[in-house]
Amino acid sequence: MIISTGYACLILLTGFITLVVARVPVAFALGIATIPLVVFDIRLTPFLIMDRMFNSYNSFILLAVPFFLLAANLMNGGKITDKLIEFARVLTGWLTQRLIWNLAHRISMNLLLHYARQPYEFF
């Protein structure tokens, strides 16, 4: 049978929320919540599902996430993050008020990390 968009949304949200409340990990809950929709909708053929899965995994955005986490782990392992935080504290340590210091520290850390990732793009 052909399922309408509203009914499909209701099935997906109900399944996802039920699985999250049952303490299933979110990654598995997203996949498992789609099973009833795939079974009942005749428009979703196995070829179409495999094609969409391959196209979604074949994107640079999804590849960037594990490499970003790898870079963060390497920076933590090499104590570079501690040095960057200390450098930002040195730059903003003369500020006396706590709120201003915290804001200036966050801005300087964001600027340092932004230009560390994109060194040739200044504006």
PDB file of N, CA and C in Angstrom:
ATOM      1  N   MET A   1       0.841  -1.183   0.000  1.00  0.00           N
ATOM      2  CA  MET A   1       0.000   0.000   0.000  1.00  0.00           C
ATOM      3  C   MET A   1       0.880   1.238   0.000  1.00  0.00           C
ATOM      4  N   ILE A   2       0.350   2.321  -0.525  1.00  0.00           N
ATOM      5  CA  ILE A   2       1.078   3.575  -0.582  1.00  0.00           C
ATOM      6  C   ILE A   2       0.721   4.394   0.657  1.00  0.00           C
ATOM      7  N   ILE A   3       1.747   4.762   1.393  1.00  0.00           N
ATOM      8  CA  ILE A   3       1.551   5.479   2.658  1.00  0.00           C
ATOM      9  C   ILE A   3       1.727   6.970   2.406  1.00  0.00           C
ATOM     10  N   SER A   4       0.825   7.779   2.969  1.00  0.00           N
ATOM     11  CA  SER A   4       0.913   9.228   2.795  1.00  0.00           C
ATOM     12  C   SER A   4       2.087   9.778   3.614  1.00  0.00           C
ATOM     13  N   THR A   5       2.458  11.004   3.286  1.00  0.00           N
ATOM     14  CA  THR A   5       3.605  11.621   3.952  1.00  0.00           C
ATOM     15  C   THR A   5       3.350  11.825   5.442  1.00  0.00           C
ATOM     16  N   GLY A   6       2.169  12.280   5.797  1.00  0.00           N
ATOM     17  CA  GLY A   6       1.849  12.504   7.207  1.00  0.00           C
ATOM     18  C   GLY A   6       1.847  11.222   8.009  1.00  0.00           C
ATOM     19  N   TYR A   7       1.271  10.161   7.426  1.00  0.00           N
ATOM     20  CA  TYR A   7       1.232   8.875   8.115  1.00  0.00           C
ATOM     21  C   TYR A   7       2.638   8.285   8.245  1.00  0.00           C
ATOM     22  N   ALA A   8       3.457   8.454   7.213  1.00  0.00           N
ATOM     23  CA  ALA A   8       4.839   7.973   7.278  1.00  0.00           C
ATOM     24  C   ALA A   8       5.614   8.722   8.361  1.00  0.00           C
ATOM     25  N   CYS A   9       5.398  10.018   8.452  1.00  0.00           N
ATOM     26  CA  CYS A   9       6.062  10.812   9.496  1.00  0.00           C
ATOM     27  C   CYS A   9       5.623  10.352  10.877  1.00  0.00           C
ATOM     28  N   LEU A  10       4.346  10.066  11.035  1.00  0.00           N
ATOM     29  CA  LEU A  10       3.831   9.580  12.320  1.00  0.00           C
ATOM     30  C   LEU A  10       4.456   8.231  12.683  1.00  0.00           C
ATOM     31  N   ILE A  11       4.574   7.338  11.720  1.00  0.00           N
ATOM     32  CA  ILE A  11       5.188   6.026  11.975  1.00  0.00           C
ATOM     33  C   ILE A  11       6.655   6.193  12.371  1.00  0.00           C
ATOM     34  N   LEU A  12       7.385   7.027  11.632  1.00  0.00           N
ATOM     35  CA  LEU A  12       8.812   7.212  11.919  1.00  0.00           C
ATOM     36  C   LEU A  12       9.039   7.848  13.289  1.00  0.00           C
ATOM     37  N   LEU A  13       8.307   8.921  13.583  1.00  0.00           N
ATOM     38  CA  LEU A  13       8.495   9.597  14.877  1.00  0.00           C
ATOM     39  C   LEU A  13       8.074   8.720  16.045  1.00  0.00           C
ATOM     40  N   THR A  14       6.954   8.010  15.899  1.00  0.00           N
ATOM     41  CA  THR A  14       6.505   7.135  16.976  1.00  0.00           C
ATOM     42  C   THR A  14       7.518   6.017  17.228  1.00  0.00           C
ATOM     43  N   GLY A  15       7.991   5.415  16.156  1.00  0.00           N
ATOM     44  CA  GLY A  15       8.987   4.356  16.319  1.00  0.00           C
ATOM     45  C   GLY A  15      10.279   4.867  16.918  1.00  0.00           C
ATOM     46  N   PHE A  16      10.744   6.026  16.448  1.00  0.00           N
ATOM     47  CA  PHE A  16      12.005   6.575  16.959  1.00  0.00           C
ATOM     48  C   PHE A  16      11.885   6.952  18.435  1.00  0.00           C
ATOM     49  N   ILE A  17      10.818   7.655  18.796  1.00  0.00           N
ATOM     50  CA  ILE A  17      10.646   8.074  20.199  1.00  0.00           C
ATOM     51  C   ILE A  17      10.478   6.869  21.102  1.00  0.00           C
ATOM     52  N   THR A  18       9.735   5.859  20.642  1.00  0.00           N
ATOM     53  CA  THR A  18       9.558   4.647  21.441  1.00  0.00           C
ATOM     54  C   THR A  18      10.900   3.954  21.684  1.00  0.00           C
ATOM     55  N   LEU A  19      11.713   3.861  20.663  1.00  0.00           N
ATOM     56  CA  LEU A  19      13.009   3.206  20.821  1.00  0.00           C
ATOM     57  C   LEU A  19      13.960   4.016  21.696  1.00  0.00           C
ATOM     58  N   VAL A  20      13.921   5.338  21.588  1.00  0.00           N
ATOM     59  CA  VAL A  20      14.791   6.164  22.432  1.00  0.00           C
ATOM     60  C   VAL A  20      14.361   6.072  23.892  1.00  0.00           C
ATOM     61  N   VAL A  21      13.044   6.035  24.134  1.00  0.00           N
ATOM     62  CA  VAL A  21      12.552   5.880  25.509  1.00  0.00           C
ATOM     63  C   VAL A  21      12.943   4.508  26.048  1.00  0.00           C
ATOM     64  N   ALA A  22      13.008   3.508  25.162  1.00  0.00           N
ATOM     65  CA  ALA A  22      13.424   2.168  25.575  1.00  0.00           C
ATOM     66  C   ALA A  22      14.942   2.058  25.717  1.00  0.00           C
ATOM     67  N   ARG A  23      15.646   3.189  25.608  1.00  0.00           N
ATOM     68  CA  ARG A  23      17.084   3.298  25.805  1.00  0.00           C
ATOM     69  C   ARG A  23      17.895   2.533  24.759  1.00  0.00           C
ATOM     70  N   VAL A  24      17.373   2.495  23.525  1.00  0.00           N
ATOM     71  CA  VAL A  24      18.129   1.971  22.388  1.00  0.00           C
ATOM     72  C   VAL A  24      19.022   3.111  21.901  1.00  0.00           C
ATOM     73  N   PRO A  25      20.282   2.861  21.554  1.00  0.00           N
ATOM     74  CA  PRO A  25      21.136   3.940  21.049  1.00  0.00           C
ATOM     75  C   PRO A  25      20.516   4.621  19.823  1.00  0.00           C
ATOM     76  N   VAL A  26      20.761   5.916  19.699  1.00  0.00           N
ATOM     77  CA  VAL A  26      20.112   6.726  18.672  1.00  0.00           C
ATOM     78  C   VAL A  26      20.427   6.219  17.266  1.00  0.00           C
ATOM     79  N   ALA A  27      21.657   5.802  17.015  1.00  0.00           N
ATOM     80  CA  ALA A  27      22.020   5.324  15.683  1.00  0.00           C
ATOM     81  C   ALA A  27      21.200   4.089  15.305  1.00  0.00           C
ATOM     82  N   PHE A  28      21.012   3.183  16.245  1.00  0.00           N
ATOM     83  CA  PHE A  28      20.205   1.996  15.967  1.00  0.00           C
ATOM     84  C   PHE A  28      18.722   2.346  15.905  1.00  0.00           C
ATOM     85  N   ALA A  29      18.283   3.278  16.748  1.00  0.00           N
ATOM     86  CA  ALA A  29      16.873   3.672  16.748  1.00  0.00           C
ATOM     87  C   ALA A  29      16.480   4.300  15.418  1.00  0.00           C
ATOM     88  N   LEU A  30      17.381   5.087  14.825  1.00  0.00           N
ATOM     89  CA  LEU A  30      17.087   5.674  13.517  1.00  0.00           C
ATOM     90  C   LEU A  30      16.906   4.595  12.456  1.00  0.00           C
ATOM     91  N   GLY A  31      17.732   3.583  12.486  1.00  0.00           N
ATOM     92  CA  GLY A  31      17.627   2.508  11.501  1.00  0.00           C
ATOM     93  C   GLY A  31      16.435   1.608  11.734  1.00  0.00           C
ATOM     94  N   ILE A  32      16.194   1.242  12.986  1.00  0.00           N
ATOM     95  CA  ILE A  32      15.106   0.319  13.305  1.00  0.00           C
ATOM     96  C   ILE A  32      13.743   0.980  13.095  1.00  0.00           C
ATOM     97  N   ALA A  33      13.646   2.288  13.320  1.00  0.00           N
ATOM     98  CA  ALA A  33      12.364   2.982  13.159  1.00  0.00           C
ATOM     99  C   ALA A  33      11.897   2.999  11.714  1.00  0.00           C
ATOM    100  N   THR A  34      12.799   2.810  10.770  1.00  0.00           N
ATOM    101  CA  THR A  34      12.409   2.826   9.358  1.00  0.00           C
ATOM    102  C   THR A  34      11.892   1.481   8.867  1.00  0.00           C
ATOM    103  N   ILE A  35      12.102   0.420   9.617  1.00  0.00           N
ATOM    104  CA  ILE A  35      11.721  -0.919   9.159  1.00  0.00           C
ATOM    105  C   ILE A  35      10.222  -1.040   8.863  1.00  0.00           C
ATOM    106  N   PRO A  36       9.303  -0.573   9.746  1.00  0.00           N
ATOM    107  CA  PRO A  36       7.877  -0.698   9.399  1.00  0.00           C
ATOM    108  C   PRO A  36       7.512   0.050   8.118  1.00  0.00           C
ATOM    109  N   LEU A  37       8.111   1.181   7.895  1.00  0.00           N
ATOM    110  CA  LEU A  37       7.819   1.956   6.693  1.00  0.00           C
ATOM    111  C   LEU A  37       8.313   1.235   5.442  1.00  0.00           C
ATOM    112  N   VAL A  38       9.480   0.633   5.522  1.00  0.00           N
ATOM    113  CA  VAL A  38      10.023  -0.101   4.380  1.00  0.00           C
ATOM    114  C   VAL A  38       9.171  -1.333   4.076  1.00  0.00           C
ATOM    115  N   VAL A  39       8.663  -1.978   5.097  1.00  0.00           N
ATOM    116  CA  VAL A  39       7.864  -3.186   4.904  1.00  0.00           C
ATOM    117  C   VAL A  39       6.509  -2.859   4.285  1.00  0.00           C
ATOM    118  N   PHE A  40       5.862  -1.768   4.730  1.00  0.00           N
ATOM    119  CA  PHE A  40       4.491  -1.495   4.309  1.00  0.00           C
ATOM    120  C   PHE A  40       4.360  -0.639   3.056  1.00  0.00           C
ATOM    121  N   ASP A  41       5.365   0.133   2.685  1.00  0.00           N
ATOM    122  CA  ASP A  41       5.238   0.999   1.510  1.00  0.00           C
ATOM    123  C   ASP A  41       5.799   0.281   0.291  1.00  0.00           C
ATOM    124  N   ILE A  42       4.976   0.145  -0.756  1.00  0.00           N
ATOM    125  CA  ILE A  42       5.397  -0.612  -1.940  1.00  0.00           C
ATOM    126  C   ILE A  42       6.344   0.179  -2.832  1.00  0.00           C
ATOM    127  N   ARG A  43       6.418   1.499  -2.630  1.00  0.00           N
ATOM    128  CA  ARG A  43       7.317   2.310  -3.458  1.00  0.00           C
ATOM    129  C   ARG A  43       8.770   2.157  -3.068  1.00  0.00           C
ATOM    130  N   LEU A  44       9.037   1.668  -1.876  1.00  0.00           N
ATOM    131  CA  LEU A  44      10.415   1.534  -1.393  1.00  0.00           C
ATOM    132  C   LEU A  44      10.942   0.147  -1.741  1.00  0.00           C
ATOM    133  N   THR A  45      11.586   0.037  -2.882  1.00  0.00           N
ATOM    134  CA  THR A  45      12.165  -1.237  -3.302  1.00  0.00           C
ATOM    135  C   THR A  45      13.548  -1.397  -2.682  1.00  0.00           C
ATOM    136  N   PRO A  46      14.030  -2.632  -2.559  1.00  0.00           N
ATOM    137  CA  PRO A  46      15.377  -2.830  -1.994  1.00  0.00           C
ATOM    138  C   PRO A  46      16.469  -2.125  -2.803  1.00  0.00           C
ATOM    139  N   PHE A  47      16.307  -2.067  -4.131  1.00  0.00           N
ATOM    140  CA  PHE A  47      17.299  -1.382  -4.951  1.00  0.00           C
ATOM    141  C   PHE A  47      17.342   0.112  -4.624  1.00  0.00           C
ATOM    142  N   LEU A  48      16.183   0.720  -4.460  1.00  0.00           N
ATOM    143  CA  LEU A  48      16.115   2.146  -4.130  1.00  0.00           C
ATOM    144  C   LEU A  48      16.729   2.421  -2.760  1.00  0.00           C
ATOM    145  N   ILE A  49      16.458   1.555  -1.814  1.00  0.00           N
ATOM    146  CA  ILE A  49      16.992   1.746  -0.456  1.00  0.00           C
ATOM    147  C   ILE A  49      18.515   1.619  -0.458  1.00  0.00           C
ATOM    148  N   MET A  50      19.037   0.611  -1.151  1.00  0.00           N
ATOM    149  CA  MET A  50      20.495   0.440  -1.217  1.00  0.00           C
ATOM    150  C   MET A  50      21.159   1.608  -1.950  1.00  0.00           C
ATOM    151  N   ASP A  51      20.506   2.102  -2.997  1.00  0.00           N
ATOM    152  CA  ASP A  51      21.056   3.234  -3.737  1.00  0.00           C
ATOM    153  C   ASP A  51      21.122   4.479  -2.860  1.00  0.00           C
ATOM    154  N   ARG A  52      20.054   4.752  -2.127  1.00  0.00           N
ATOM    155  CA  ARG A  52      20.049   5.920  -1.236  1.00  0.00           C
ATOM    156  C   ARG A  52      21.058   5.771  -0.106  1.00  0.00           C
ATOM    157  N   MET A  53      21.202   4.570   0.430  1.00  0.00           N
ATOM    158  CA  MET A  53      22.182   4.353   1.497  1.00  0.00           C
ATOM    159  C   MET A  53      23.602   4.584   0.979  1.00  0.00           C
ATOM    160  N   PHE A  54      23.909   4.075  -0.207  1.00  0.00           N
ATOM    161  CA  PHE A  54      25.249   4.263  -0.762  1.00  0.00           C
ATOM    162  C   PHE A  54      25.528   5.734  -1.038  1.00  0.00           C
ATOM    163  N   ASN A  55      24.546   6.439  -1.600  1.00  0.00           N
ATOM    164  CA  ASN A  55      24.740   7.860  -1.892  1.00  0.00           C
ATOM    165  C   ASN A  55      24.891   8.686  -0.621  1.00  0.00           C
ATOM    166  N   SER A  56      24.203   8.305   0.434  1.00  0.00           N
ATOM    167  CA  SER A  56      24.328   9.075   1.679  1.00  0.00           C
ATOM    168  C   SER A  56      25.667   8.808   2.365  1.00  0.00           C
ATOM    169  N   TYR A  57      26.190   7.596   2.260  1.00  0.00           N
ATOM    170  CA  TYR A  57      27.488   7.303   2.865  1.00  0.00           C
ATOM    171  C   TYR A  57      28.648   7.807   2.025  1.00  0.00           C
ATOM    172  N   ASN A  58      28.396   8.091   0.768  1.00  0.00           N
ATOM    173  CA  ASN A  58      29.436   8.533  -0.134  1.00  0.00           C
ATOM    174  C   ASN A  58      29.479  10.064  -0.201  1.00  0.00           C
ATOM    175  N   SER A  59      29.556  10.704   0.960  1.00  0.00           N
ATOM    176  CA  SER A  59      29.591  12.165   0.984  1.00  0.00           C
ATOM    177  C   SER A  59      30.786  12.621   1.818  1.00  0.00           C
ATOM    178  N   PHE A  60      31.308  13.771   1.455  1.00  0.00           N
ATOM    179  CA  PHE A  60      32.479  14.294   2.159  1.00  0.00           C
ATOM    180  C   PHE A  60      32.134  14.787   3.554  1.00  0.00           C
ATOM    181  N   ILE A  61      30.898  15.180   3.766  1.00  0.00           N
ATOM    182  CA  ILE A  61      30.502  15.667   5.088  1.00  0.00           C
ATOM    183  C   ILE A  61      30.573  14.530   6.095  1.00  0.00           C
ATOM    184  N   LEU A  62      30.080  13.357   5.728  1.00  0.00           N
ATOM    185  CA  LEU A  62      30.153  12.228   6.649  1.00  0.00           C
ATOM    186  C   LEU A  62      31.585  11.749   6.844  1.00  0.00           C
ATOM    187  N   LEU A  63      32.422  11.909   5.836  1.00  0.00           N
ATOM    188  CA  LEU A  63      33.823  11.529   5.990  1.00  0.00           C
ATOM    189  C   LEU A  63      34.579  12.510   6.870  1.00  0.00           C
ATOM    190  N   ALA A  64      34.121  13.755   6.937  1.00  0.00           N
ATOM    191  CA  ALA A  64      34.820  14.766   7.723  1.00  0.00           C
ATOM    192  C   ALA A  64      34.667  14.529   9.226  1.00  0.00           C
ATOM    193  N   VAL A  65      33.570  13.946   9.656  1.00  0.00           N
ATOM    194  CA  VAL A  65      33.330  13.762  11.087  1.00  0.00           C
ATOM    195  C   VAL A  65      34.376  12.859  11.733  1.00  0.00           C
ATOM    196  N   PRO A  66      34.646  11.650  11.217  1.00  0.00           N
ATOM    197  CA  PRO A  66      35.672  10.839  11.878  1.00  0.00           C
ATOM    198  C   PRO A  66      37.067  11.458  11.819  1.00  0.00           C
ATOM    199  N   PHE A  67      37.376  12.161  10.737  1.00  0.00           N
ATOM    200  CA  PHE A  67      38.695  12.796  10.661  1.00  0.00           C
ATOM    201  C   PHE A  67      38.809  13.970  11.633  1.00  0.00           C
ATOM    202  N   PHE A  68      37.696  14.678  11.855  1.00  0.00           N
ATOM    203  CA  PHE A  68      37.703  15.748  12.846  1.00  0.00           C
ATOM    204  C   PHE A  68      37.924  15.162  14.243  1.00  0.00           C
ATOM    205  N   LEU A  69      37.273  14.046  14.538  1.00  0.00           N
ATOM    206  CA  LEU A  69      37.481  13.399  15.834  1.00  0.00           C
ATOM    207  C   LEU A  69      38.913  12.865  15.959  1.00  0.00           C
ATOM    208  N   LEU A  70      39.461  12.349  14.871  1.00  0.00           N
ATOM    209  CA  LEU A  70      40.848  11.895  14.896  1.00  0.00           C
ATOM    210  C   LEU A  70      41.795  13.058  15.170  1.00  0.00           C
ATOM    211  N   ALA A  71      41.551  14.195  14.513  1.00  0.00           N
ATOM    212  CA  ALA A  71      42.399  15.371  14.745  1.00  0.00           C
ATOM    213  C   ALA A  71      42.293  15.836  16.196  1.00  0.00           C
ATOM    214  N   ALA A  72      41.090  15.801  16.754  1.00  0.00           N
ATOM    215  CA  ALA A  72      40.918  16.201  18.159  1.00  0.00           C
ATOM    216  C   ALA A  72      41.656  15.246  19.088  1.00  0.00           C
ATOM    217  N   ASN A  73      41.594  13.944  18.821  1.00  0.00           N
ATOM    218  CA  ASN A  73      42.315  12.983  19.658  1.00  0.00           C
ATOM    219  C   ASN A  73      43.827  13.145  19.532  1.00  0.00           C
ATOM    220  N   LEU A  74      44.303  13.425  18.331  1.00  0.00           N
ATOM    221  CA  LEU A  74      45.745  13.654  18.161  1.00  0.00           C
ATOM    222  C   LEU A  74      46.184  14.924  18.882  1.00  0.00           C
ATOM    223  N   MET A  75      45.352  15.961  18.825  1.00  0.00           N
ATOM    224  CA  MET A  75      45.698  17.198  19.527  1.00  0.00           C
ATOM    225  C   MET A  75      45.692  16.984  21.034  1.00  0.00           C
ATOM    226  N   ASN A  76      44.735  16.218  21.535  1.00  0.00           N
ATOM    227  CA  ASN A  76      44.704  15.927  22.968  1.00  0.00           C
ATOM    228  C   ASN A  76      45.882  15.048  23.377  1.00  0.00           C
ATOM    229  N   GLY A  77      46.224  14.078  22.554  1.00  0.00           N
ATOM    230  CA  GLY A  77      47.346  13.193  22.876  1.00  0.00           C
ATOM    231  C   GLY A  77      48.679  13.916  22.869  1.00  0.00           C
ATOM    232  N   GLY A  78      48.834  14.888  21.992  1.00  0.00           N
ATOM    233  CA  GLY A  78      50.070  15.640  21.912  1.00  0.00           C
ATOM    234  C   GLY A  78      50.104  16.863  22.808  1.00  0.00           C
ATOM    235  N   LYS A  79      49.076  17.031  23.616  1.00  0.00           N
ATOM    236  CA  LYS A  79      48.961  18.158  24.564  1.00  0.00           C
ATOM    237  C   LYS A  79      48.929  19.513  23.860  1.00  0.00           C
ATOM    238  N   ILE A  80      48.528  19.514  22.579  1.00  0.00           N
ATOM    239  CA  ILE A  80      48.437  20.786  21.854  1.00  0.00           C
ATOM    240  C   ILE A  80      47.259  21.598  22.353  1.00  0.00           C
ATOM    241  N   THR A  81      46.157  20.925  22.702  1.00  0.00           N
ATOM    242  CA  THR A  81      44.984  21.663  23.185  1.00  0.00           C
ATOM    243  C   THR A  81      45.286  22.369  24.500  1.00  0.00           C
ATOM    244  N   ASP A  82      46.065  21.730  25.366  1.00  0.00           N
ATOM    245  CA  ASP A  82      46.430  22.388  26.619  1.00  0.00           C
ATOM    246  C   ASP A  82      47.259  23.643  26.357  1.00  0.00           C
ATOM    247  N   LYS A  83      48.159  23.552  25.383  1.00  0.00           N
ATOM    248  CA  LYS A  83      48.980  24.715  25.048  1.00  0.00           C
ATOM    249  C   LYS A  83      48.146  25.829  24.424  1.00  0.00           C
ATOM    250  N   LEU A  84      47.175  25.459  23.575  1.00  0.00           N
ATOM    251  CA  LEU A  84      46.297  26.478  22.982  1.00  0.00           C
ATOM    252  C   LEU A  84      45.422  27.156  24.033  1.00  0.00           C
ATOM    253  N   ILE A  85      44.923  26.370  24.978  1.00  0.00           N
ATOM    254  CA  ILE A  85      44.112  26.944  26.053  1.00  0.00           C
ATOM    255  C   ILE A  85      44.959  27.856  26.928  1.00  0.00           C
ATOM    256  N   GLU A  86      46.158  27.440  27.239  1.00  0.00           N
ATOM    257  CA  GLU A  86      47.046  28.284  28.044  1.00  0.00           C
ATOM    258  C   GLU A  86      47.418  29.558  27.293  1.00  0.00           C
ATOM    259  N   PHE A  87      47.640  29.456  25.986  1.00  0.00           N
ATOM    260  CA  PHE A  87      47.937  30.633  25.182  1.00  0.00           C
ATOM    261  C   PHE A  87      46.758  31.600  25.171  1.00  0.00           C
ATOM    262  N   ALA A  88      45.532  31.066  25.057  1.00  0.00           N
ATOM    263  CA  ALA A  88      44.354  31.930  25.100  1.00  0.00           C
ATOM    264  C   ALA A  88      44.198  32.574  26.477  1.00  0.00           C
ATOM    265  N   ARG A  89      44.567  31.846  27.531  1.00  0.00           N
ATOM    266  CA  ARG A  89      44.519  32.430  28.884  1.00  0.00           C
ATOM    267  C   ARG A  89      45.558  33.534  29.052  1.00  0.00           C
ATOM    268  N   VAL A  90      46.729  33.358  28.447  1.00  0.00           N
ATOM    269  CA  VAL A  90      47.755  34.398  28.513  1.00  0.00           C
ATOM    270  C   VAL A  90      47.281  35.649  27.793  1.00  0.00           C
ATOM    271  N   LEU A  91      46.638  35.461  26.634  1.00  0.00           N
ATOM    272  CA  LEU A  91      46.148  36.614  25.884  1.00  0.00           C
ATOM    273  C   LEU A  91      45.046  37.363  26.621  1.00  0.00           C
ATOM    274  N   THR A  92      44.197  36.627  27.338  1.00  0.00           N
ATOM    275  CA  THR A  92      43.040  37.255  27.974  1.00  0.00           C
ATOM    276  C   THR A  92      43.140  37.274  29.493  1.00  0.00           C
ATOM    277  N   GLY A  93      44.278  36.906  30.053  1.00  0.00           N
ATOM    278  CA  GLY A  93      44.420  36.817  31.504  1.00  0.00           C
ATOM    279  C   GLY A  93      44.388  38.156  32.217  1.00  0.00           C
ATOM    280  N   TRP A  94      44.667  39.248  31.515  1.00  0.00           N
ATOM    281  CA  TRP A  94      44.690  40.565  32.152  1.00  0.00           C
ATOM    282  C   TRP A  94      43.290  41.092  32.428  1.00  0.00           C
ATOM    283  N   LEU A  95      42.266  40.449  31.867  1.00  0.00           N
ATOM    284  CA  LEU A  95      40.897  40.890  32.132  1.00  0.00           C
ATOM    285  C   LEU A  95      40.506  40.485  33.555  1.00  0.00           C
ATOM    286  N   THR A  96      39.895  41.402  34.278  1.00  0.00           N
ATOM    287  CA  THR A  96      39.606  41.118  35.678  1.00  0.00           C
ATOM    288  C   THR A  96      38.191  40.600  35.894  1.00  0.00           C
ATOM    289  N   GLN A  97      37.247  41.055  35.145  1.00  0.00           N
ATOM    290  CA  GLN A  97      35.876  40.613  35.376  1.00  0.00           C
ATOM    291  C   GLN A  97      35.677  39.223  34.773  1.00  0.00           C
ATOM    292  N   ARG A  98      35.020  38.382  35.513  1.00  0.00           N
ATOM    293  CA  ARG A  98      34.884  36.973  35.132  1.00  0.00           C
ATOM    294  C   ARG A  98      34.115  36.798  33.821  1.00  0.00           C
ATOM    295  N   LEU A  99      33.026  37.502  33.640  1.00  0.00           N
ATOM    296  CA  LEU A  99      32.216  37.337  32.436  1.00  0.00           C
ATOM    297  C   LEU A  99      32.974  37.802  31.199  1.00  0.00           C
ATOM    298  N   ILE A 100      33.639  38.934  31.303  1.00  0.00           N
ATOM    299  CA  ILE A 100      34.401  39.449  30.169  1.00  0.00           C
ATOM    300  C   ILE A 100      35.567  38.518  29.859  1.00  0.00           C
ATOM    301  N   TRP A 101      36.219  38.004  30.896  1.00  0.00           N
ATOM    302  CA  TRP A 101      37.340  37.099  30.692  1.00  0.00           C
ATOM    303  C   TRP A 101      36.877  35.837  29.973  1.00  0.00           C
ATOM    304  N   ASN A 102      35.757  35.274  30.431  1.00  0.00           N
ATOM    305  CA  ASN A 102      35.232  34.051  29.836  1.00  0.00           C
ATOM    306  C   ASN A 102      34.866  34.282  28.363  1.00  0.00           C
ATOM    307  N   LEU A 103      34.227  35.396  28.069  1.00  0.00           N
ATOM    308  CA  LEU A 103      33.844  35.711  26.699  1.00  0.00           C
ATOM    309  C   LEU A 103      35.081  35.923  25.818  1.00  0.00           C
ATOM    310  N   ALA A 104      36.046  36.686  26.320  1.00  0.00           N
ATOM    311  CA  ALA A 104      37.257  36.945  25.541  1.00  0.00           C
ATOM    312  C   ALA A 104      38.047  35.652  25.326  1.00  0.00           C
ATOM    313  N   HIS A 105      38.072  34.791  26.332  1.00  0.00           N
ATOM    314  CA  HIS A 105      38.769  33.510  26.210  1.00  0.00           C
ATOM    315  C   HIS A 105      38.126  32.654  25.122  1.00  0.00           C
ATOM    316  N   ARG A 106      36.795  32.592  25.114  1.00  0.00           N
ATOM    317  CA  ARG A 106      36.100  31.784  24.101  1.00  0.00           C
ATOM    318  C   ARG A 106      36.299  32.353  22.697  1.00  0.00           C
ATOM    319  N   ILE A 107      36.256  33.664  22.578  1.00  0.00           N
ATOM    320  CA  ILE A 107      36.458  34.274  21.259  1.00  0.00           C
ATOM    321  C   ILE A 107      37.865  34.019  20.758  1.00  0.00           C
ATOM    322  N   SER A 108      38.858  34.180  21.635  1.00  0.00           N
ATOM    323  CA  SER A 108      40.236  33.967  21.189  1.00  0.00           C
ATOM    324  C   SER A 108      40.488  32.502  20.847  1.00  0.00           C
ATOM    325  N   MET A 109      39.892  31.565  21.589  1.00  0.00           N
ATOM    326  CA  MET A 109      40.047  30.146  21.262  1.00  0.00           C
ATOM    327  C   MET A 109      39.384  29.824  19.932  1.00  0.00           C
ATOM    328  N   ASN A 110      38.201  30.394  19.699  1.00  0.00           N
ATOM    329  CA  ASN A 110      37.524  30.148  18.424  1.00  0.00           C
ATOM    330  C   ASN A 110      38.330  30.708  17.258  1.00  0.00           C
ATOM    331  N   LEU A 111      38.900  31.889  17.435  1.00  0.00           N
ATOM    332  CA  LEU A 111      39.710  32.462  16.367  1.00  0.00           C
ATOM    333  C   LEU A 111      40.965  31.638  16.119  1.00  0.00           C
ATOM    334  N   LEU A 112      41.632  31.217  17.188  1.00  0.00           N
ATOM    335  CA  LEU A 112      42.837  30.412  17.030  1.00  0.00           C
ATOM    336  C   LEU A 112      42.545  29.096  16.324  1.00  0.00           C
ATOM    337  N   LEU A 113      41.482  28.414  16.748  1.00  0.00           N
ATOM    338  CA  LEU A 113      41.165  27.127  16.143  1.00  0.00           C
ATOM    339  C   LEU A 113      40.645  27.288  14.722  1.00  0.00           C
ATOM    340  N   HIS A 114      39.926  28.387  14.454  1.00  0.00           N
ATOM    341  CA  HIS A 114      39.430  28.623  13.104  1.00  0.00           C
ATOM    342  C   HIS A 114      40.595  28.844  12.140  1.00  0.00           C
ATOM    343  N   TYR A 115      41.545  29.687  12.517  1.00  0.00           N
ATOM    344  CA  TYR A 115      42.664  29.963  11.627  1.00  0.00           C
ATOM    345  C   TYR A 115      43.681  28.828  11.606  1.00  0.00           C
ATOM    346  N   ALA A 116      43.663  27.964  12.631  1.00  0.00           N
ATOM    347  CA  ALA A 116      44.524  26.789  12.591  1.00  0.00           C
ATOM    348  C   ALA A 116      43.999  25.785  11.568  1.00  0.00           C
ATOM    349  N   ARG A 117      42.678  25.726  11.401  1.00  0.00           N
ATOM    350  CA  ARG A 117      42.098  24.814  10.413  1.00  0.00           C
ATOM    351  C   ARG A 117      42.172  25.386   9.013  1.00  0.00           C
ATOM    352  N   GLN A 118      42.055  26.720   8.871  1.00  0.00           N
ATOM    353  CA  GLN A 118      42.040  27.374   7.562  1.00  0.00           C
ATOM    354  C   GLN A 118      43.095  28.480   7.560  1.00  0.00           C
ATOM    355  N   PRO A 119      44.373  28.132   7.448  1.00  0.00           N
ATOM    356  CA  PRO A 119      45.405  29.150   7.622  1.00  0.00           C
ATOM    357  C   PRO A 119      45.483  30.167   6.497  1.00  0.00           C
ATOM    358  N   TYR A 120      45.000  29.871   5.328  1.00  0.00           N
ATOM    359  CA  TYR A 120      45.143  30.799   4.203  1.00  0.00           C
ATOM    360  C   TYR A 120      43.887  31.606   3.951  1.00  0.00           C
ATOM    361  N   GLU A 121      42.867  31.423   4.730  1.00  0.00           N
ATOM    362  CA  GLU A 121      41.617  32.154   4.540  1.00  0.00           C
ATOM    363  C   GLU A 121      41.441  33.111   5.727  1.00  0.00           C
ATOM    364  N   PHE A 122      41.758  34.372   5.527  1.00  0.00           N
ATOM    365  CA  PHE A 122      41.725  35.328   6.632  1.00  0.00           C
ATOM    366  C   PHE A 122      40.372  35.970   6.798  1.00  0.00           C
ATOM    367  N   PHE A 123      39.604  36.180   5.747  1.00  0.00           N
ATOM    368  CA  PHE A 123      38.306  36.821   5.862  1.00  0.00           C
ATOM    369  C   PHE A 123      37.274  36.058   5.093  1.00  0.00           C
TER     370      PHE A 123
END
